[in-house]
């Protein structure tokens, strides 16, 4: 991961955002009011957090104290202590969310949707959990019951992120789909959890066809061969979820603040977009009659 390139893009974005923000009506300040500041710019805070999620380090404290402080002093001359840096992280949440929008992939007409649980603690400790109290819930996945959030994700066939949404783990997978697919078109492939005639008709009226596998007790219908092939390739989004959790570290149970949890989640999604090679599907026609040129 090229930290210099990330910083240049983040810093340029922050400067453009500051210009636009300064033109908006601001709340009046009280006489004698002092605004808090830091010698470390928010673009530097954002860059370091994104770099952590792309570094493969297991804990941010070790990454900051063993890598950033001793070796990155020349690149970031105004570094602060680890405790102070943790205090600064929530101030970059809004900018990180806005910057994540600029890292969105291209809408190509093919998209895959899935959800993955984000545990905030072990199930046995759920009764004593306080950090995310009243914000999380119980949800059941293929691996059992989970206590925490659920990350809904939409990607294209290139592995690029198109949309994401965070909900409690007990949220129905179909609920956030209409909002997440506002500007999508073509075909959207999902698992059996997205089966809904009402949802299909709602998306179809907007030019988006929802394609899912059928349950055993459902009547069989004719399905295009290309749709069957792409349904089998839906595992691509499972690979993306795996990389987000195991490489970009978006899931762990060490969070002590809802704001820092959100900072790390968004930074992990951004770090994924900077990977040199994203998981993707090779859909170029190679003389296969099952893959007509019309879909490329």
C-alpha atoms as a PDB file:
ATOM      1  CA  UNK A   1       0.000   0.000   0.000  1.00  0.00           C
ATOM      2  CA  UNK A   2       1.403   3.358  -1.096  1.00  0.00           C
ATOM      3  CA  UNK A   3       0.868   5.628   1.930  1.00  0.00           C
ATOM      4  CA  UNK A   4       2.155   8.694   0.062  1.00  0.00           C
ATOM      5  CA  UNK A   5      -0.427   8.301  -2.693  1.00  0.00           C
ATOM      6  CA  UNK A   6      -3.202   7.791  -0.133  1.00  0.00           C
ATOM      7  CA  UNK A   7      -2.189  10.917   1.773  1.00  0.00           C
ATOM      8  CA  UNK A   8      -2.118  13.023  -1.397  1.00  0.00           C
ATOM      9  CA  UNK A   9      -5.631  11.934  -2.348  1.00  0.00           C
ATOM     10  CA  UNK A  10      -6.968  12.341   1.202  1.00  0.00           C
ATOM     11  CA  UNK A  11      -5.339  15.743   1.682  1.00  0.00           C
ATOM     12  CA  UNK A  12      -6.632  17.047  -1.663  1.00  0.00           C
ATOM     13  CA  UNK A  13     -10.110  15.865  -0.732  1.00  0.00           C
ATOM     14  CA  UNK A  14      -9.930  17.542   2.699  1.00  0.00           C
ATOM     15  CA  UNK A  15      -8.862  20.844   1.143  1.00  0.00           C
ATOM     16  CA  UNK A  16     -11.708  20.753  -1.375  1.00  0.00           C
ATOM     17  CA  UNK A  17     -14.151  19.804   1.369  1.00  0.00           C
ATOM     18  CA  UNK A  18     -12.944  22.707   3.548  1.00  0.00           C
ATOM     19  CA  UNK A  19     -13.541  25.183   0.720  1.00  0.00           C
ATOM     20  CA  UNK A  20     -17.091  23.954   0.168  1.00  0.00           C
ATOM     21  CA  UNK A  21     -17.798  23.768   3.889  1.00  0.00           C
ATOM     22  CA  UNK A  22     -16.599  27.340   4.476  1.00  0.00           C
ATOM     23  CA  UNK A  23     -19.239  28.588   2.015  1.00  0.00           C
ATOM     24  CA  UNK A  24     -22.073  26.991   3.994  1.00  0.00           C
ATOM     25  CA  UNK A  25     -23.912  28.872   6.797  1.00  0.00           C
ATOM     26  CA  UNK A  26     -22.123  28.260  10.080  1.00  0.00           C
ATOM     27  CA  UNK A  27     -23.477  28.266  13.610  1.00  0.00           C
ATOM     28  CA  UNK A  28     -22.620  31.510  15.425  1.00  0.00           C
ATOM     29  CA  UNK A  29     -19.850  31.250  17.998  1.00  0.00           C
ATOM     30  CA  UNK A  30     -20.139  32.602  21.513  1.00  0.00           C
ATOM     31  CA  UNK A  31     -17.985  35.593  22.529  1.00  0.00           C
ATOM     32  CA  UNK A  32     -14.642  34.363  23.827  1.00  0.00           C
ATOM     33  CA  UNK A  33     -15.314  30.810  22.636  1.00  0.00           C
ATOM     34  CA  UNK A  34     -12.153  28.767  21.976  1.00  0.00           C
ATOM     35  CA  UNK A  35     -12.239  26.085  19.345  1.00  0.00           C
ATOM     36  CA  UNK A  36     -10.202  22.964  20.006  1.00  0.00           C
ATOM     37  CA  UNK A  37      -7.417  22.216  17.562  1.00  0.00           C
ATOM     38  CA  UNK A  38      -4.578  19.827  17.013  1.00  0.00           C
ATOM     39  CA  UNK A  39      -1.153  20.069  15.455  1.00  0.00           C
ATOM     40  CA  UNK A  40      -1.974  16.884  13.523  1.00  0.00           C
ATOM     41  CA  UNK A  41      -4.177  17.590  10.504  1.00  0.00           C
ATOM     42  CA  UNK A  42      -7.286  15.514   9.968  1.00  0.00           C
ATOM     43  CA  UNK A  43      -5.945  14.324   6.605  1.00  0.00           C
ATOM     44  CA  UNK A  44      -2.954  12.863   8.455  1.00  0.00           C
ATOM     45  CA  UNK A  45      -5.225  11.174  10.986  1.00  0.00           C
ATOM     46  CA  UNK A  46      -7.312   9.680   8.182  1.00  0.00           C
ATOM     47  CA  UNK A  47      -4.229   8.487   6.284  1.00  0.00           C
ATOM     48  CA  UNK A  48      -2.749   6.733   9.307  1.00  0.00           C
ATOM     49  CA  UNK A  49      -6.033   4.964  10.150  1.00  0.00           C
ATOM     50  CA  UNK A  50      -6.463   3.824   6.534  1.00  0.00           C
ATOM     51  CA  UNK A  51      -2.833   2.667   6.426  1.00  0.00           C
ATOM     52  CA  UNK A  52      -3.386   0.566   9.550  1.00  0.00           C
ATOM     53  CA  UNK A  53      -6.270  -1.308   7.951  1.00  0.00           C
ATOM     54  CA  UNK A  54      -4.131  -2.009   4.913  1.00  0.00           C
ATOM     55  CA  UNK A  55      -1.032  -3.027   6.861  1.00  0.00           C
ATOM     56  CA  UNK A  56      -2.193  -6.392   8.197  1.00  0.00           C
ATOM     57  CA  UNK A  57      -1.347  -5.376  11.783  1.00  0.00           C
ATOM     58  CA  UNK A  58      -3.591  -6.994  14.370  1.00  0.00           C
ATOM     59  CA  UNK A  59      -3.971  -4.049  16.801  1.00  0.00           C
ATOM     60  CA  UNK A  60      -3.865  -0.316  16.140  1.00  0.00           C
ATOM     61  CA  UNK A  61      -1.881   0.368  19.318  1.00  0.00           C
ATOM     62  CA  UNK A  62       1.007  -1.832  18.189  1.00  0.00           C
ATOM     63  CA  UNK A  63       0.864  -0.355  14.693  1.00  0.00           C
ATOM     64  CA  UNK A  64       0.971   3.221  15.975  1.00  0.00           C
ATOM     65  CA  UNK A  65       3.582   2.771  18.704  1.00  0.00           C
ATOM     66  CA  UNK A  66       5.878   0.332  16.879  1.00  0.00           C
ATOM     67  CA  UNK A  67       5.560   1.536  13.283  1.00  0.00           C
ATOM     68  CA  UNK A  68       4.159   5.056  13.029  1.00  0.00           C
ATOM     69  CA  UNK A  69       5.918   6.789  15.941  1.00  0.00           C
ATOM     70  CA  UNK A  70       9.436   5.399  15.371  1.00  0.00           C
ATOM     71  CA  UNK A  71       9.494   5.166  11.555  1.00  0.00           C
ATOM     72  CA  UNK A  72       7.012   7.689  10.133  1.00  0.00           C
ATOM     73  CA  UNK A  73       8.231  10.785  11.955  1.00  0.00           C
ATOM     74  CA  UNK A  74       9.740  12.281   8.791  1.00  0.00           C
ATOM     75  CA  UNK A  75       6.494  11.894   6.868  1.00  0.00           C
ATOM     76  CA  UNK A  76       4.318  13.115   9.766  1.00  0.00           C
ATOM     77  CA  UNK A  77       6.475  15.560  11.806  1.00  0.00           C
ATOM     78  CA  UNK A  78       3.585  16.608  14.084  1.00  0.00           C
ATOM     79  CA  UNK A  79       2.738  13.172  15.438  1.00  0.00           C
ATOM     80  CA  UNK A  80       0.981  13.064  18.790  1.00  0.00           C
ATOM     81  CA  UNK A  81       0.895  10.397  21.483  1.00  0.00           C
ATOM     82  CA  UNK A  82      -1.205   7.286  21.031  1.00  0.00           C
ATOM     83  CA  UNK A  83      -3.770   8.448  23.607  1.00  0.00           C
ATOM     84  CA  UNK A  84      -4.177  11.820  21.900  1.00  0.00           C
ATOM     85  CA  UNK A  85      -4.464  10.167  18.472  1.00  0.00           C
ATOM     86  CA  UNK A  86      -7.323   7.972  19.683  1.00  0.00           C
ATOM     87  CA  UNK A  87      -9.074  11.154  20.859  1.00  0.00           C
ATOM     88  CA  UNK A  88      -8.662  12.712  17.401  1.00  0.00           C
ATOM     89  CA  UNK A  89     -10.013   9.752  15.427  1.00  0.00           C
ATOM     90  CA  UNK A  90     -13.759  10.548  15.858  1.00  0.00           C
ATOM     91  CA  UNK A  91     -13.208  14.029  14.397  1.00  0.00           C
ATOM     92  CA  UNK A  92     -12.374  12.434  11.060  1.00  0.00           C
ATOM     93  CA  UNK A  93     -15.524  10.284  10.816  1.00  0.00           C
ATOM     94  CA  UNK A  94     -17.559  12.642   8.625  1.00  0.00           C
ATOM     95  CA  UNK A  95     -14.636  13.239   6.252  1.00  0.00           C
ATOM     96  CA  UNK A  96     -13.960   9.504   6.041  1.00  0.00           C
ATOM     97  CA  UNK A  97     -17.587   8.816   5.116  1.00  0.00           C
ATOM     98  CA  UNK A  98     -17.491  11.503   2.418  1.00  0.00           C
ATOM     99  CA  UNK A  99     -14.145  10.257   1.114  1.00  0.00           C
ATOM    100  CA  UNK A 100     -15.478   6.683   0.966  1.00  0.00           C
ATOM    101  CA  UNK A 101     -18.093   7.886  -1.534  1.00  0.00           C
ATOM    102  CA  UNK A 102     -15.294   9.023  -3.877  1.00  0.00           C
ATOM    103  CA  UNK A 103     -13.783   5.511  -3.742  1.00  0.00           C
ATOM    104  CA  UNK A 104     -16.987   3.937  -5.054  1.00  0.00           C
ATOM    105  CA  UNK A 105     -16.649   1.544  -7.965  1.00  0.00           C
ATOM    106  CA  UNK A 106     -18.211   1.807 -11.405  1.00  0.00           C
ATOM    107  CA  UNK A 107     -21.809   0.719 -11.985  1.00  0.00           C
ATOM    108  CA  UNK A 108     -21.470  -1.852 -14.779  1.00  0.00           C
ATOM    109  CA  UNK A 109     -24.909  -3.474 -14.845  1.00  0.00           C
ATOM    110  CA  UNK A 110     -23.791  -6.527 -12.855  1.00  0.00           C
ATOM    111  CA  UNK A 111     -23.852  -6.443  -9.063  1.00  0.00           C
ATOM    112  CA  UNK A 112     -23.721  -8.879  -6.164  1.00  0.00           C
ATOM    113  CA  UNK A 113     -25.287  -8.319  -2.748  1.00  0.00           C
ATOM    114  CA  UNK A 114     -24.696 -10.022   0.584  1.00  0.00           C
ATOM    115  CA  UNK A 115     -24.558  -9.333   4.307  1.00  0.00           C
ATOM    116  CA  UNK A 116     -22.031 -10.394   6.906  1.00  0.00           C
ATOM    117  CA  UNK A 117     -22.236 -10.221  10.724  1.00  0.00           C
ATOM    118  CA  UNK A 118     -19.872  -7.997  12.705  1.00  0.00           C
ATOM    119  CA  UNK A 119     -19.626  -9.335  16.234  1.00  0.00           C
ATOM    120  CA  UNK A 120     -18.946  -6.821  19.008  1.00  0.00           C
ATOM    121  CA  UNK A 121     -18.298  -9.459  21.658  1.00  0.00           C
ATOM    122  CA  UNK A 122     -18.500 -13.173  22.268  1.00  0.00           C
ATOM    123  CA  UNK A 123     -22.080 -14.473  22.592  1.00  0.00           C
ATOM    124  CA  UNK A 124     -21.410 -15.561  26.182  1.00  0.00           C
ATOM    125  CA  UNK A 125     -20.630 -11.953  27.135  1.00  0.00           C
ATOM    126  CA  UNK A 126     -23.569 -10.358  25.364  1.00  0.00           C
ATOM    127  CA  UNK A 127     -25.570  -9.929  28.590  1.00  0.00           C
ATOM    128  CA  UNK A 128     -22.820  -7.751  30.088  1.00  0.00           C
ATOM    129  CA  UNK A 129     -21.951  -5.756  26.970  1.00  0.00           C
ATOM    130  CA  UNK A 130     -22.319  -1.985  27.421  1.00  0.00           C
ATOM    131  CA  UNK A 131     -20.402  -0.177  24.643  1.00  0.00           C
ATOM    132  CA  UNK A 132     -23.047  -0.756  21.948  1.00  0.00           C
ATOM    133  CA  UNK A 133     -26.038  -1.211  24.225  1.00  0.00           C
ATOM    134  CA  UNK A 134     -29.387  -0.652  22.451  1.00  0.00           C
ATOM    135  CA  UNK A 135     -27.567  -0.389  19.095  1.00  0.00           C
ATOM    136  CA  UNK A 136     -26.942  -4.053  18.314  1.00  0.00           C
ATOM    137  CA  UNK A 137     -28.970  -7.244  18.257  1.00  0.00           C
ATOM    138  CA  UNK A 138     -28.896 -11.004  17.871  1.00  0.00           C
ATOM    139  CA  UNK A 139     -28.689 -12.415  14.385  1.00  0.00           C
ATOM    140  CA  UNK A 140     -28.324 -15.935  13.029  1.00  0.00           C
ATOM    141  CA  UNK A 141     -25.949 -16.750  10.190  1.00  0.00           C
ATOM    142  CA  UNK A 142     -24.737 -19.970   8.604  1.00  0.00           C
ATOM    143  CA  UNK A 143     -22.179 -20.290  11.422  1.00  0.00           C
ATOM    144  CA  UNK A 144     -24.588 -19.752  14.314  1.00  0.00           C
ATOM    145  CA  UNK A 145     -25.909 -16.915  16.446  1.00  0.00           C
ATOM    146  CA  UNK A 146     -24.019 -13.602  16.470  1.00  0.00           C
ATOM    147  CA  UNK A 147     -24.356 -10.551  18.701  1.00  0.00           C
ATOM    148  CA  UNK A 148     -23.565  -7.243  17.045  1.00  0.00           C
ATOM    149  CA  UNK A 149     -24.106  -5.519  13.719  1.00  0.00           C
ATOM    150  CA  UNK A 150     -24.709  -6.632  10.159  1.00  0.00           C
ATOM    151  CA  UNK A 151     -22.813  -5.120   7.231  1.00  0.00           C
ATOM    152  CA  UNK A 152     -24.774  -5.084   3.971  1.00  0.00           C
ATOM    153  CA  UNK A 153     -22.552  -4.875   0.911  1.00  0.00           C
ATOM    154  CA  UNK A 154     -23.003  -4.491  -2.857  1.00  0.00           C
ATOM    155  CA  UNK A 155     -20.090  -4.972  -5.269  1.00  0.00           C
ATOM    156  CA  UNK A 156     -19.664  -5.221  -9.042  1.00  0.00           C
ATOM    157  CA  UNK A 157     -17.992  -8.059 -10.945  1.00  0.00           C
ATOM    158  CA  UNK A 158     -14.634  -6.281 -10.537  1.00  0.00           C
ATOM    159  CA  UNK A 159     -14.812  -6.545  -6.741  1.00  0.00           C
ATOM    160  CA  UNK A 160     -15.326  -2.786  -6.377  1.00  0.00           C
ATOM    161  CA  UNK A 161     -17.607  -1.469  -3.632  1.00  0.00           C
ATOM    162  CA  UNK A 162     -20.850   0.071  -4.855  1.00  0.00           C
ATOM    163  CA  UNK A 163     -22.794   0.512  -1.603  1.00  0.00           C
ATOM    164  CA  UNK A 164     -22.716  -0.500   2.045  1.00  0.00           C
ATOM    165  CA  UNK A 165     -24.973  -0.086   5.046  1.00  0.00           C
ATOM    166  CA  UNK A 166     -24.650  -0.965   8.734  1.00  0.00           C
ATOM    167  CA  UNK A 167     -27.650  -2.280  10.674  1.00  0.00           C
ATOM    168  CA  UNK A 168     -28.288  -4.301  13.855  1.00  0.00           C
ATOM    169  CA  UNK A 169     -27.742  -8.015  13.348  1.00  0.00           C
ATOM    170  CA  UNK A 170     -31.455  -8.777  13.670  1.00  0.00           C
ATOM    171  CA  UNK A 171     -32.339  -6.711  10.559  1.00  0.00           C
ATOM    172  CA  UNK A 172     -33.877  -8.539   7.613  1.00  0.00           C
ATOM    173  CA  UNK A 173     -31.438  -8.677   4.693  1.00  0.00           C
ATOM    174  CA  UNK A 174     -34.121  -7.375   2.323  1.00  0.00           C
ATOM    175  CA  UNK A 175     -34.910  -4.235   4.297  1.00  0.00           C
ATOM    176  CA  UNK A 176     -31.989  -1.962   3.205  1.00  0.00           C
ATOM    177  CA  UNK A 177     -31.936  -3.162  -0.428  1.00  0.00           C
ATOM    178  CA  UNK A 178     -34.194  -0.441  -1.942  1.00  0.00           C
ATOM    179  CA  UNK A 179     -32.117   2.341  -0.386  1.00  0.00           C
ATOM    180  CA  UNK A 180     -28.776   0.793  -1.345  1.00  0.00           C
ATOM    181  CA  UNK A 181     -29.772   0.254  -4.986  1.00  0.00           C
ATOM    182  CA  UNK A 182     -31.115   3.708  -5.811  1.00  0.00           C
ATOM    183  CA  UNK A 183     -28.789   4.317  -8.793  1.00  0.00           C
ATOM    184  CA  UNK A 184     -28.102   0.732  -9.886  1.00  0.00           C
ATOM    185  CA  UNK A 185     -29.358  -0.890 -13.072  1.00  0.00           C
ATOM    186  CA  UNK A 186     -29.009  -4.252 -14.806  1.00  0.00           C
ATOM    187  CA  UNK A 187     -28.927  -7.353 -12.623  1.00  0.00           C
ATOM    188  CA  UNK A 188     -28.424  -7.855  -8.894  1.00  0.00           C
ATOM    189  CA  UNK A 189     -27.473 -11.354  -7.690  1.00  0.00           C
ATOM    190  CA  UNK A 190     -28.142 -12.477  -4.121  1.00  0.00           C
ATOM    191  CA  UNK A 191     -28.705 -15.591  -2.045  1.00  0.00           C
ATOM    192  CA  UNK A 192     -32.022 -17.060  -0.916  1.00  0.00           C
ATOM    193  CA  UNK A 193     -32.303 -14.519   1.899  1.00  0.00           C
ATOM    194  CA  UNK A 194     -33.331 -11.881  -0.661  1.00  0.00           C
ATOM    195  CA  UNK A 195     -36.282 -13.811  -2.105  1.00  0.00           C
ATOM    196  CA  UNK A 196     -39.305 -11.514  -2.137  1.00  0.00           C
ATOM    197  CA  UNK A 197     -41.869 -10.945  -4.873  1.00  0.00           C
ATOM    198  CA  UNK A 198     -42.589  -7.449  -3.591  1.00  0.00           C
ATOM    199  CA  UNK A 199     -38.897  -6.527  -3.567  1.00  0.00           C
ATOM    200  CA  UNK A 200     -38.409  -8.022  -7.030  1.00  0.00           C
ATOM    201  CA  UNK A 201     -41.260  -5.945  -8.476  1.00  0.00           C
ATOM    202  CA  UNK A 202     -40.068  -2.788  -6.719  1.00  0.00           C
ATOM    203  CA  UNK A 203     -36.551  -3.105  -8.145  1.00  0.00           C
ATOM    204  CA  UNK A 204     -37.759  -4.260 -11.565  1.00  0.00           C
ATOM    205  CA  UNK A 205     -39.831  -1.104 -11.964  1.00  0.00           C
ATOM    206  CA  UNK A 206     -36.587   0.869 -11.568  1.00  0.00           C
ATOM    207  CA  UNK A 207     -34.693  -1.159 -14.165  1.00  0.00           C
ATOM    208  CA  UNK A 208     -32.921  -3.546 -11.783  1.00  0.00           C
ATOM    209  CA  UNK A 209     -33.563  -7.301 -11.948  1.00  0.00           C
ATOM    210  CA  UNK A 210     -33.073  -9.234  -8.709  1.00  0.00           C
ATOM    211  CA  UNK A 211     -31.794 -12.766  -9.391  1.00  0.00           C
ATOM    212  CA  UNK A 212     -31.676 -15.320  -6.567  1.00  0.00           C
ATOM    213  CA  UNK A 213     -31.508 -19.055  -6.128  1.00  0.00           C
ATOM    214  CA  UNK A 214     -34.822 -20.766  -5.527  1.00  0.00           C
ATOM    215  CA  UNK A 215     -35.853 -22.695  -2.447  1.00  0.00           C
ATOM    216  CA  UNK A 216     -36.649 -26.393  -2.684  1.00  0.00           C
ATOM    217  CA  UNK A 217     -40.373 -25.865  -2.022  1.00  0.00           C
ATOM    218  CA  UNK A 218     -40.700 -23.240  -4.770  1.00  0.00           C
ATOM    219  CA  UNK A 219     -41.905 -23.939  -8.274  1.00  0.00           C
ATOM    220  CA  UNK A 220     -39.117 -24.280 -10.795  1.00  0.00           C
ATOM    221  CA  UNK A 221     -38.919 -21.664 -13.532  1.00  0.00           C
ATOM    222  CA  UNK A 222     -36.826 -21.327 -16.651  1.00  0.00           C
ATOM    223  CA  UNK A 223     -33.622 -19.406 -15.950  1.00  0.00           C
ATOM    224  CA  UNK A 224     -31.165 -18.144 -18.517  1.00  0.00           C
ATOM    225  CA  UNK A 225     -27.922 -20.099 -18.623  1.00  0.00           C
ATOM    226  CA  UNK A 226     -25.877 -16.936 -18.095  1.00  0.00           C
ATOM    227  CA  UNK A 227     -27.882 -16.178 -14.941  1.00  0.00           C
ATOM    228  CA  UNK A 228     -27.164 -19.675 -13.594  1.00  0.00           C
ATOM    229  CA  UNK A 229     -23.457 -19.162 -14.235  1.00  0.00           C
ATOM    230  CA  UNK A 230     -23.415 -15.773 -12.515  1.00  0.00           C
ATOM    231  CA  UNK A 231     -25.351 -17.154  -9.536  1.00  0.00           C
ATOM    232  CA  UNK A 232     -22.555 -19.684  -9.066  1.00  0.00           C
ATOM    233  CA  UNK A 233     -20.068 -16.830  -9.215  1.00  0.00           C
ATOM    234  CA  UNK A 234     -21.847 -15.055  -6.343  1.00  0.00           C
ATOM    235  CA  UNK A 235     -19.150 -16.443  -4.054  1.00  0.00           C
ATOM    236  CA  UNK A 236     -17.087 -13.459  -5.195  1.00  0.00           C
ATOM    237  CA  UNK A 237     -18.736 -11.287  -2.573  1.00  0.00           C
ATOM    238  CA  UNK A 238     -17.959 -13.895   0.085  1.00  0.00           C
ATOM    239  CA  UNK A 239     -14.290 -13.459  -0.813  1.00  0.00           C
ATOM    240  CA  UNK A 240     -14.645  -9.688  -0.411  1.00  0.00           C
ATOM    241  CA  UNK A 241     -16.252 -10.131   3.025  1.00  0.00           C
ATOM    242  CA  UNK A 242     -13.421 -12.435   4.047  1.00  0.00           C
ATOM    243  CA  UNK A 243     -10.782  -9.902   3.000  1.00  0.00           C
ATOM    244  CA  UNK A 244     -12.575  -7.091   4.800  1.00  0.00           C
ATOM    245  CA  UNK A 245     -12.644  -9.064   8.035  1.00  0.00           C
ATOM    246  CA  UNK A 246      -9.275 -10.832   7.975  1.00  0.00           C
ATOM    247  CA  UNK A 247      -7.066  -8.412   6.054  1.00  0.00           C
ATOM    248  CA  UNK A 248      -8.672  -5.026   6.609  1.00  0.00           C
ATOM    249  CA  UNK A 249      -9.621  -5.749  10.237  1.00  0.00           C
ATOM    250  CA  UNK A 250     -13.145  -4.326  10.218  1.00  0.00           C
ATOM    251  CA  UNK A 251     -14.288  -6.796  12.885  1.00  0.00           C
ATOM    252  CA  UNK A 252     -12.933  -7.197  16.396  1.00  0.00           C
ATOM    253  CA  UNK A 253     -14.227  -6.937  19.973  1.00  0.00           C
ATOM    254  CA  UNK A 254     -11.769  -4.346  21.331  1.00  0.00           C
ATOM    255  CA  UNK A 255     -13.825  -1.235  20.570  1.00  0.00           C
ATOM    256  CA  UNK A 256     -14.576   1.046  23.508  1.00  0.00           C
ATOM    257  CA  UNK A 257     -16.356   3.782  21.570  1.00  0.00           C
ATOM    258  CA  UNK A 258     -19.113   3.734  18.955  1.00  0.00           C
ATOM    259  CA  UNK A 259     -17.406   6.597  17.109  1.00  0.00           C
ATOM    260  CA  UNK A 260     -14.042   4.867  16.866  1.00  0.00           C
ATOM    261  CA  UNK A 261     -15.829   1.707  15.760  1.00  0.00           C
ATOM    262  CA  UNK A 262     -17.383   3.619  12.864  1.00  0.00           C
ATOM    263  CA  UNK A 263     -14.039   5.257  12.025  1.00  0.00           C
ATOM    264  CA  UNK A 264     -12.333   1.880  11.828  1.00  0.00           C
ATOM    265  CA  UNK A 265     -15.174   0.363   9.800  1.00  0.00           C
ATOM    266  CA  UNK A 266     -15.167   3.101   7.149  1.00  0.00           C
ATOM    267  CA  UNK A 267     -11.352   3.240   7.095  1.00  0.00           C
ATOM    268  CA  UNK A 268     -11.255  -0.534   6.570  1.00  0.00           C
ATOM    269  CA  UNK A 269     -13.623  -0.255   3.611  1.00  0.00           C
ATOM    270  CA  UNK A 270     -11.466   2.515   2.125  1.00  0.00           C
ATOM    271  CA  UNK A 271      -8.285   0.491   2.686  1.00  0.00           C
ATOM    272  CA  UNK A 272      -9.859  -2.389   0.755  1.00  0.00           C
ATOM    273  CA  UNK A 273     -10.312  -0.140  -2.299  1.00  0.00           C
ATOM    274  CA  UNK A 274      -6.572   0.603  -2.283  1.00  0.00           C
ATOM    275  CA  UNK A 275      -5.559  -3.041  -2.588  1.00  0.00           C
ATOM    276  CA  UNK A 276      -3.351  -3.539  -5.662  1.00  0.00           C
ATOM    277  CA  UNK A 277      -5.524  -6.406  -6.883  1.00  0.00           C
ATOM    278  CA  UNK A 278      -9.175  -6.872  -6.027  1.00  0.00           C
ATOM    279  CA  UNK A 279     -10.994 -10.204  -6.342  1.00  0.00           C
ATOM    280  CA  UNK A 280     -12.885 -10.149  -9.633  1.00  0.00           C
ATOM    281  CA  UNK A 281     -14.566 -12.276 -12.276  1.00  0.00           C
ATOM    282  CA  UNK A 282     -13.046 -12.834 -15.702  1.00  0.00           C
ATOM    283  CA  UNK A 283     -16.112 -12.380 -17.893  1.00  0.00           C
ATOM    284  CA  UNK A 284     -14.346 -11.734 -21.162  1.00  0.00           C
ATOM    285  CA  UNK A 285     -15.727 -13.867 -23.923  1.00  0.00           C
ATOM    286  CA  UNK A 286     -13.337 -16.661 -24.867  1.00  0.00           C
ATOM    287  CA  UNK A 287     -15.373 -18.362 -27.533  1.00  0.00           C
ATOM    288  CA  UNK A 288     -17.904 -19.712 -25.038  1.00  0.00           C
ATOM    289  CA  UNK A 289     -21.444 -19.679 -26.476  1.00  0.00           C
ATOM    290  CA  UNK A 290     -22.856 -19.377 -22.946  1.00  0.00           C
ATOM    291  CA  UNK A 291     -21.340 -15.911 -22.591  1.00  0.00           C
ATOM    292  CA  UNK A 292     -22.800 -13.767 -25.362  1.00  0.00           C
ATOM    293  CA  UNK A 293     -21.019 -10.577 -26.292  1.00  0.00           C
ATOM    294  CA  UNK A 294     -24.152  -8.623 -25.394  1.00  0.00           C
ATOM    295  CA  UNK A 295     -23.392  -8.733 -21.673  1.00  0.00           C
ATOM    296  CA  UNK A 296     -19.937  -7.208 -21.894  1.00  0.00           C
END
